Amino acid sequence: MNKSDLLEKGRSLLGGRLSNVIRNSVVDLNSFFGLIPPADLLHRPEGISAIVRVRNEEDWIEPSLLSIKDLVNEYVVVDGSTDRTPEIVDRLAKERGLELLHVMDFREDMVAISNEALALAKYRWVLRWDGDFVAKETMAKRIRETVGSCDRKKYFAVYWPHVCLDGDLWHQDPIDPLQFENWLVTSTPGSEFVRRRGSFEYLQVPSKYSKRLQIAEPLSFHLRTVKPPLRLLYHKYWIELFRNDLLDRVSLDTYASERIRQEYGEVTAAEAAKLFSVAMFSRLVAYDRERYGDYPRLLKDYAKSKLGIEL
C-alpha cells in the first residue's frame, strides 16, 4: 500500500469514527429529551431471534445454523429453496432441538416476506443470518458481552466484518475480502427491509433511534461464492434479473440460455459454467489465515466429514 492509499484509508477511518460519534450523540440527545420511546417499553424478552433467509444452501445450511445454536433463542427461517435445504433445516430442528419458525417462500417478494419475518421475531435482539454464514467460535462470547453491556432503554445496531471466501474454501476476492454490515440490531420502531433499485434489500434502522456499535474483529465467515460452477453462473444471471426487476417477467432458464449464447457462444451451460469459474479464479488470492484467523472448528469438521476436505 503506497502513501496516498494509506492517507486515503486514514481519512476514511477518521470520517467513519466521526460520523459514529455524531450519530450516537444525536441518539443520546433524542433519548434524554424523550424524543424517542425507551426500548424497554417494547416489553420484548431478553434474547436473540435469528432471521435466516435461505435459497438453495443445502451444502452449507447445517454448519450455518449450528454455528449460532448457542447464541440465538429462535430461528425465523425464510426459505425460497428448490433443493434439499428445507429437509435439512427440519432435520436439524428435530435432532438438535432448534427453536424453529418457518415463514412463507420469499421467491415472490423478498422485501415483503423479510418484513413478515421481522414482525414474527419475538426477542429483543434480531440477528440477520444467511444459509452460507458460519460463526467463529469467538462470536457467541463476544456478542453476549456486547449485548450484556448495552442499556436496555436504548436501541443499538451492532456492526462487524464477515470474512468472505470465494470460489472455494481456500480463496478470497482481494478487492472485497470483508463484508461489514449491521448484523445485529435491537428491535426498533420503524425498522424494515427496503430495497433500492439495482441493489439487494437491506435492513434499514432509523438513525434517530439506534446507536451504532462497531466490533473490529471478524466474528464470522461468509462462504459467498463457494458454490458449484453451474450454480454460480445461474446465480449471476439471477442477480441480473433481480436488479432489473425482471424476475416475474422472464424465466431464469430462458434468460440464462440467451446470456450464455451472448457471452460464450454455442456451448452447453456446463461448459459456460466452467469458463466462468476459471475466469473468476484468475482474480482470487489465497485465504490468509495469519491475517483473518483460522477457520471455525465446526466448518473444519463438516468439510472433512461431509466433503472429504481438510482445512
Protein backbone atom coordinates (compact mmCIF):
# COMPACT_ATOMS: atom_id res chain seq x y z
CA MET A 1 0.00 0.00 0.00
CA ASN A 2 1.52 3.33 -1.06
CA LYS A 3 1.50 6.63 0.85
CA SER A 4 -1.60 8.02 -0.91
CA ASP A 5 -3.52 4.79 -0.20
CA LEU A 6 -2.58 4.98 3.47
CA LEU A 7 -3.70 8.61 3.68
CA GLU A 8 -7.00 7.80 1.99
CA LYS A 9 -7.61 4.87 4.33
CA GLY A 10 -6.81 7.07 7.31
CA ARG A 11 -9.27 9.73 6.14
CA SER A 12 -11.94 7.07 5.63
CA LEU A 13 -11.46 5.58 9.11
CA LEU A 14 -11.41 9.02 10.72
CA GLY A 15 -14.54 10.06 8.83
CA GLY A 16 -16.33 6.86 9.84
CA ARG A 17 -15.47 7.30 13.51
CA LEU A 18 -16.51 10.95 13.47
CA SER A 19 -19.79 10.02 11.80
CA ASN A 20 -20.45 7.42 14.50
CA VAL A 21 -19.70 9.89 17.29
CA ILE A 22 -22.11 12.45 15.80
CA ARG A 23 -24.83 9.86 15.18
CA ASN A 24 -24.55 8.37 18.68
CA SER A 25 -24.55 11.84 20.28
CA VAL A 26 -27.77 12.73 18.44
CA VAL A 27 -29.38 9.46 19.58
CA ASP A 28 -28.37 10.18 23.20
CA LEU A 29 -29.93 13.64 22.96
CA ASN A 30 -33.12 12.19 21.45
CA SER A 31 -33.29 9.74 24.33
CA PHE A 32 -32.50 12.36 27.00
CA PHE A 33 -35.23 14.74 25.81
CA GLY A 34 -37.80 11.97 25.39
CA LEU A 35 -37.99 12.32 21.60
CA ILE A 36 -37.88 8.55 21.19
CA PRO A 37 -39.59 5.93 23.39
CA PRO A 38 -37.36 3.87 25.71
CA ALA A 39 -36.56 0.48 24.22
CA ASP A 40 -37.69 -1.40 27.32
CA LEU A 41 -41.26 -0.20 26.73
CA LEU A 42 -41.46 -2.73 23.87
CA HIS A 43 -41.53 -5.45 26.58
CA ARG A 44 -39.65 -7.97 24.47
CA PRO A 45 -37.98 -10.89 26.26
CA GLU A 46 -34.20 -10.76 26.51
CA GLY A 47 -32.67 -12.92 23.80
CA ILE A 48 -31.81 -13.09 20.10
CA SER A 49 -34.03 -14.01 17.14
CA ALA A 50 -32.09 -15.11 14.07
CA ILE A 51 -33.77 -14.22 10.77
CA VAL A 52 -32.33 -16.71 8.30
CA ARG A 53 -33.11 -16.09 4.64
CA VAL A 54 -32.15 -19.08 2.53
CA ARG A 55 -32.11 -20.05 -1.13
CA ASN A 56 -30.67 -23.43 -2.13
CA GLU A 57 -27.98 -23.72 0.56
CA GLU A 58 -28.02 -27.50 1.07
CA ASP A 59 -24.20 -27.52 1.09
CA TRP A 60 -23.77 -25.09 3.99
CA ILE A 61 -27.06 -24.71 5.88
CA GLU A 62 -26.09 -27.29 8.52
CA PRO A 63 -22.87 -25.63 9.79
CA SER A 64 -24.52 -22.24 9.32
CA LEU A 65 -27.42 -22.94 11.68
CA LEU A 66 -25.41 -24.98 14.18
CA SER A 67 -22.66 -22.35 14.46
CA ILE A 68 -25.10 -19.96 16.20
CA LYS A 69 -27.02 -22.60 18.16
CA ASP A 70 -25.56 -21.47 21.49
CA LEU A 71 -26.16 -17.79 20.73
CA VAL A 72 -29.72 -17.43 19.46
CA ASN A 73 -33.04 -18.26 21.11
CA GLU A 74 -35.06 -18.86 17.95
CA TYR A 75 -34.65 -19.18 14.20
CA VAL A 76 -37.12 -17.46 11.87
CA VAL A 77 -36.36 -19.16 8.55
CA VAL A 78 -37.49 -17.68 5.25
CA ASP A 79 -36.86 -20.31 2.59
CA GLY A 80 -37.03 -19.95 -1.18
CA SER A 81 -35.18 -23.19 -1.93
CA THR A 82 -35.82 -25.83 -4.56
CA ASP A 83 -33.11 -28.21 -3.29
CA ARG A 84 -32.83 -30.21 -0.05
CA THR A 85 -32.39 -27.17 2.20
CA PRO A 86 -35.89 -27.34 3.80
CA GLU A 87 -35.42 -31.04 4.65
CA ILE A 88 -32.06 -30.34 6.30
CA VAL A 89 -33.49 -27.44 8.30
CA ASP A 90 -36.36 -29.60 9.58
CA ARG A 91 -33.99 -32.46 10.43
CA LEU A 92 -31.67 -30.17 12.39
CA ALA A 93 -34.61 -28.71 14.30
CA LYS A 94 -35.70 -32.19 15.41
CA GLU A 95 -32.25 -33.62 16.09
CA ARG A 96 -30.69 -30.56 17.75
CA GLY A 97 -33.76 -29.04 19.39
CA LEU A 98 -33.65 -25.78 17.47
CA GLU A 99 -36.50 -23.36 18.22
CA LEU A 100 -37.69 -23.02 14.63
CA LEU A 101 -40.34 -20.89 12.99
CA HIS A 102 -40.84 -21.11 9.23
CA VAL A 103 -42.37 -18.34 7.17
CA MET A 104 -43.53 -18.50 3.58
CA ASP A 105 -41.46 -18.76 0.43
CA PHE A 106 -39.72 -15.49 -0.44
CA ARG A 107 -39.31 -16.06 -4.18
CA GLU A 108 -42.28 -13.83 -4.91
CA ASP A 109 -41.45 -10.72 -2.89
CA MET A 110 -38.30 -10.84 -0.76
CA VAL A 111 -38.87 -7.45 0.84
CA ALA A 112 -42.43 -8.20 1.95
CA ILE A 113 -41.67 -11.66 3.31
CA SER A 114 -38.50 -10.45 5.05
CA ASN A 115 -40.59 -7.82 6.82
CA GLU A 116 -43.09 -10.51 7.81
CA ALA A 117 -40.21 -12.47 9.33
CA LEU A 118 -39.05 -9.35 11.14
CA ALA A 119 -42.53 -8.89 12.62
CA LEU A 120 -42.61 -12.50 13.80
CA ALA A 121 -39.25 -12.30 15.61
CA LYS A 122 -40.15 -12.09 19.30
CA TYR A 123 -36.89 -11.36 21.12
CA ARG A 124 -35.24 -8.05 21.92
CA TRP A 125 -32.34 -8.57 19.53
CA VAL A 126 -32.51 -9.55 15.84
CA LEU A 127 -29.60 -11.28 14.09
CA ARG A 128 -29.51 -11.24 10.29
CA TRP A 129 -28.08 -14.56 9.16
CA ASP A 130 -27.88 -16.36 5.82
CA GLY A 131 -27.52 -20.02 4.98
CA ASP A 132 -23.90 -19.59 3.93
CA PHE A 133 -22.72 -17.72 7.05
CA VAL A 134 -20.69 -19.62 9.65
CA ALA A 135 -19.84 -18.10 13.03
CA LYS A 136 -16.38 -18.26 14.56
CA GLU A 137 -16.03 -19.86 18.00
CA THR A 138 -15.43 -16.41 19.49
CA MET A 139 -18.64 -14.90 18.16
CA ALA A 140 -21.12 -16.09 20.80
CA LYS A 141 -18.99 -14.87 23.72
CA ARG A 142 -18.20 -11.54 22.02
CA ILE A 143 -21.83 -10.87 21.16
CA ARG A 144 -23.08 -11.83 24.61
CA GLU A 145 -20.57 -9.42 26.16
CA THR A 146 -21.70 -6.65 23.81
CA VAL A 147 -25.40 -7.28 24.38
CA GLY A 148 -24.90 -7.52 28.12
CA SER A 149 -23.20 -4.12 28.27
CA CYS A 150 -25.99 -2.30 26.39
CA ASP A 151 -28.50 -0.07 28.17
CA ARG A 152 -31.92 -1.76 27.95
CA LYS A 153 -33.58 1.61 27.49
CA LYS A 154 -31.68 2.32 24.25
CA TYR A 155 -31.53 0.91 20.76
CA PHE A 156 -28.39 -0.39 19.07
CA ALA A 157 -27.09 -1.53 15.70
CA VAL A 158 -24.01 -3.74 16.00
CA TYR A 159 -21.59 -3.98 13.07
CA TRP A 160 -18.73 -6.41 12.48
CA PRO A 161 -16.96 -7.86 9.43
CA HIS A 162 -17.63 -11.22 7.85
CA VAL A 163 -14.56 -12.86 6.30
CA CYS A 164 -15.63 -13.67 2.73
CA LEU A 165 -14.49 -16.81 0.93
CA ASP A 166 -14.90 -17.07 -2.83
CA GLY A 167 -14.73 -19.85 -5.38
CA ASP A 168 -13.75 -22.44 -2.79
CA LEU A 169 -12.76 -22.57 0.86
CA TRP A 170 -9.16 -21.53 0.16
CA HIS A 171 -9.59 -18.26 -1.77
CA GLN A 172 -10.80 -14.68 -1.45
CA ASP A 173 -11.53 -11.72 -3.66
CA PRO A 174 -8.61 -9.34 -2.88
CA ILE A 175 -10.74 -6.28 -3.65
CA ASP A 176 -13.62 -7.23 -1.37
CA PRO A 177 -12.39 -9.66 1.34
CA LEU A 178 -14.69 -8.43 4.15
CA GLN A 179 -18.40 -7.69 4.40
CA PHE A 180 -19.26 -5.12 7.09
CA GLU A 181 -22.92 -4.51 7.98
CA ASN A 182 -25.33 -4.14 10.92
CA TRP A 183 -25.78 -7.86 11.50
CA LEU A 184 -27.32 -7.48 14.97
CA VAL A 185 -29.90 -4.85 15.97
CA THR A 186 -32.32 -4.28 18.81
CA SER A 187 -35.96 -4.43 17.81
CA THR A 188 -36.57 -0.82 16.79
CA PRO A 189 -39.74 1.07 15.79
CA GLY A 190 -39.70 1.82 12.07
CA SER A 191 -37.12 -0.84 11.18
CA GLU A 192 -37.86 -2.53 7.87
CA PHE A 193 -36.32 -4.30 4.95
CA VAL A 194 -36.18 -1.99 1.94
CA ARG A 195 -34.69 -2.17 -1.48
CA ARG A 196 -33.21 0.42 -3.75
CA ARG A 197 -33.45 -0.25 -7.46
CA GLY A 198 -30.34 -2.03 -8.68
CA SER A 199 -29.36 -3.42 -5.28
CA PHE A 200 -30.36 -6.08 -2.78
CA GLU A 201 -32.76 -5.44 0.05
CA TYR A 202 -31.25 -4.46 3.38
CA LEU A 203 -32.45 -3.82 6.92
CA GLN A 204 -32.97 -0.11 7.43
CA VAL A 205 -32.91 1.03 11.06
CA PRO A 206 -33.95 4.68 11.74
CA SER A 207 -30.77 6.57 12.65
CA LYS A 208 -32.60 8.71 15.23
CA TYR A 209 -33.15 5.59 17.35
CA SER A 210 -30.10 3.39 17.13
CA LYS A 211 -26.62 3.89 18.48
CA ARG A 212 -24.00 2.32 16.24
CA LEU A 213 -21.56 -0.12 17.83
CA GLN A 214 -18.61 -1.42 15.82
CA ILE A 215 -16.67 -4.60 16.51
CA ALA A 216 -13.40 -4.51 14.62
CA GLU A 217 -12.56 -8.21 14.68
CA PRO A 218 -14.15 -10.60 12.18
CA LEU A 219 -16.65 -12.80 14.00
CA SER A 220 -17.94 -14.91 11.14
CA PHE A 221 -17.33 -16.29 7.67
CA HIS A 222 -19.43 -15.75 4.56
CA LEU A 223 -18.99 -18.59 2.04
CA ARG A 224 -20.02 -16.05 -0.53
CA THR A 225 -19.35 -17.85 -3.79
CA VAL A 226 -18.30 -21.27 -2.51
CA LYS A 227 -20.82 -22.94 -4.80
CA PRO A 228 -20.76 -25.38 -7.73
CA PRO A 229 -19.80 -23.64 -11.03
CA LEU A 230 -23.21 -24.06 -12.68
CA ARG A 231 -25.00 -22.64 -9.67
CA LEU A 232 -22.60 -19.68 -9.60
CA LEU A 233 -23.26 -18.89 -13.24
CA TYR A 234 -27.02 -19.12 -12.81
CA HIS A 235 -26.80 -17.00 -9.69
CA LYS A 236 -25.03 -14.33 -11.71
CA TYR A 237 -27.90 -14.29 -14.18
CA TRP A 238 -30.47 -14.37 -11.39
CA ILE A 239 -28.87 -11.21 -9.96
CA GLU A 240 -29.13 -9.54 -13.36
CA LEU A 241 -32.85 -10.33 -13.49
CA PHE A 242 -33.32 -9.23 -9.90
CA ARG A 243 -31.55 -5.90 -10.32
CA ASN A 244 -33.54 -5.13 -13.43
CA ASP A 245 -36.88 -6.13 -11.87
CA LEU A 246 -37.39 -8.91 -14.43
CA LEU A 247 -37.83 -11.94 -12.17
CA ASP A 248 -41.59 -12.02 -12.68
CA ARG A 249 -41.33 -11.44 -16.43
CA VAL A 250 -38.63 -13.82 -17.67
CA SER A 251 -37.81 -17.34 -16.52
CA LEU A 252 -34.27 -17.84 -15.27
CA ASP A 253 -33.66 -20.78 -17.64
CA THR A 254 -34.74 -18.75 -20.68
CA TYR A 255 -32.67 -15.75 -19.66
CA ALA A 256 -29.61 -17.87 -18.81
CA SER A 257 -29.74 -19.65 -22.18
CA GLU A 258 -29.75 -16.33 -24.03
CA ARG A 259 -26.99 -14.82 -21.92
CA ILE A 260 -24.80 -17.92 -22.33
CA ARG A 261 -25.09 -17.57 -26.11
CA GLN A 262 -24.19 -13.89 -25.86
CA GLU A 263 -21.19 -14.40 -23.58
CA TYR A 264 -19.83 -17.81 -24.53
CA GLY A 265 -21.29 -18.73 -27.90
CA GLU A 266 -22.86 -22.08 -28.76
CA VAL A 267 -21.73 -24.08 -25.72
CA THR A 268 -23.57 -26.05 -23.07
CA ALA A 269 -24.46 -24.48 -19.74
CA ALA A 270 -21.90 -26.77 -18.04
CA GLU A 271 -19.15 -25.64 -20.43
CA ALA A 272 -20.07 -21.99 -19.90
CA ALA A 273 -20.04 -22.51 -16.13
CA LYS A 274 -16.53 -23.96 -16.33
CA LEU A 275 -15.31 -20.95 -18.33
CA PHE A 276 -16.98 -18.60 -15.88
CA SER A 277 -15.38 -20.40 -12.93
CA VAL A 278 -11.89 -20.27 -14.48
CA ALA A 279 -12.23 -16.52 -15.09
CA MET A 280 -13.38 -15.97 -11.51
CA PHE A 281 -10.50 -17.92 -10.00
CA SER A 282 -7.98 -15.96 -12.06
CA ARG A 283 -8.61 -12.88 -9.90
CA LEU A 284 -8.74 -14.56 -6.49
CA VAL A 285 -5.95 -14.86 -3.91
CA ALA A 286 -5.21 -17.46 -1.26
CA TYR A 287 -7.02 -17.08 2.06
CA ASP A 288 -4.69 -15.51 4.62
CA ARG A 289 -5.09 -17.29 7.97
CA GLU A 290 -2.42 -15.12 9.56
CA ARG A 291 -4.47 -12.03 8.82
CA TYR A 292 -8.04 -13.22 9.37
CA GLY A 293 -7.63 -16.21 11.67
CA ASP A 294 -8.29 -19.92 11.30
CA TYR A 295 -11.47 -21.50 10.02
CA PRO A 296 -14.21 -22.28 12.57
CA ARG A 297 -13.80 -25.78 14.02
CA LEU A 298 -17.39 -26.60 13.05
CA LEU A 299 -16.63 -25.76 9.41
CA LYS A 300 -13.44 -27.82 9.50
CA ASP A 301 -15.25 -30.85 10.89
CA TYR A 302 -18.14 -30.51 8.46
CA ALA A 303 -15.84 -30.10 5.44
CA LYS A 304 -13.88 -33.20 6.44
CA SER A 305 -16.83 -35.47 7.28
CA LYS A 306 -19.22 -34.41 4.50
CA LEU A 307 -16.90 -33.32 1.71
CA GLY A 308 -13.62 -35.08 2.45
CA ILE A 309 -11.81 -31.72 2.59
CA GLU A 310 -9.02 -30.91 5.05
CA LEU A 311 -8.89 -27.24 6.05
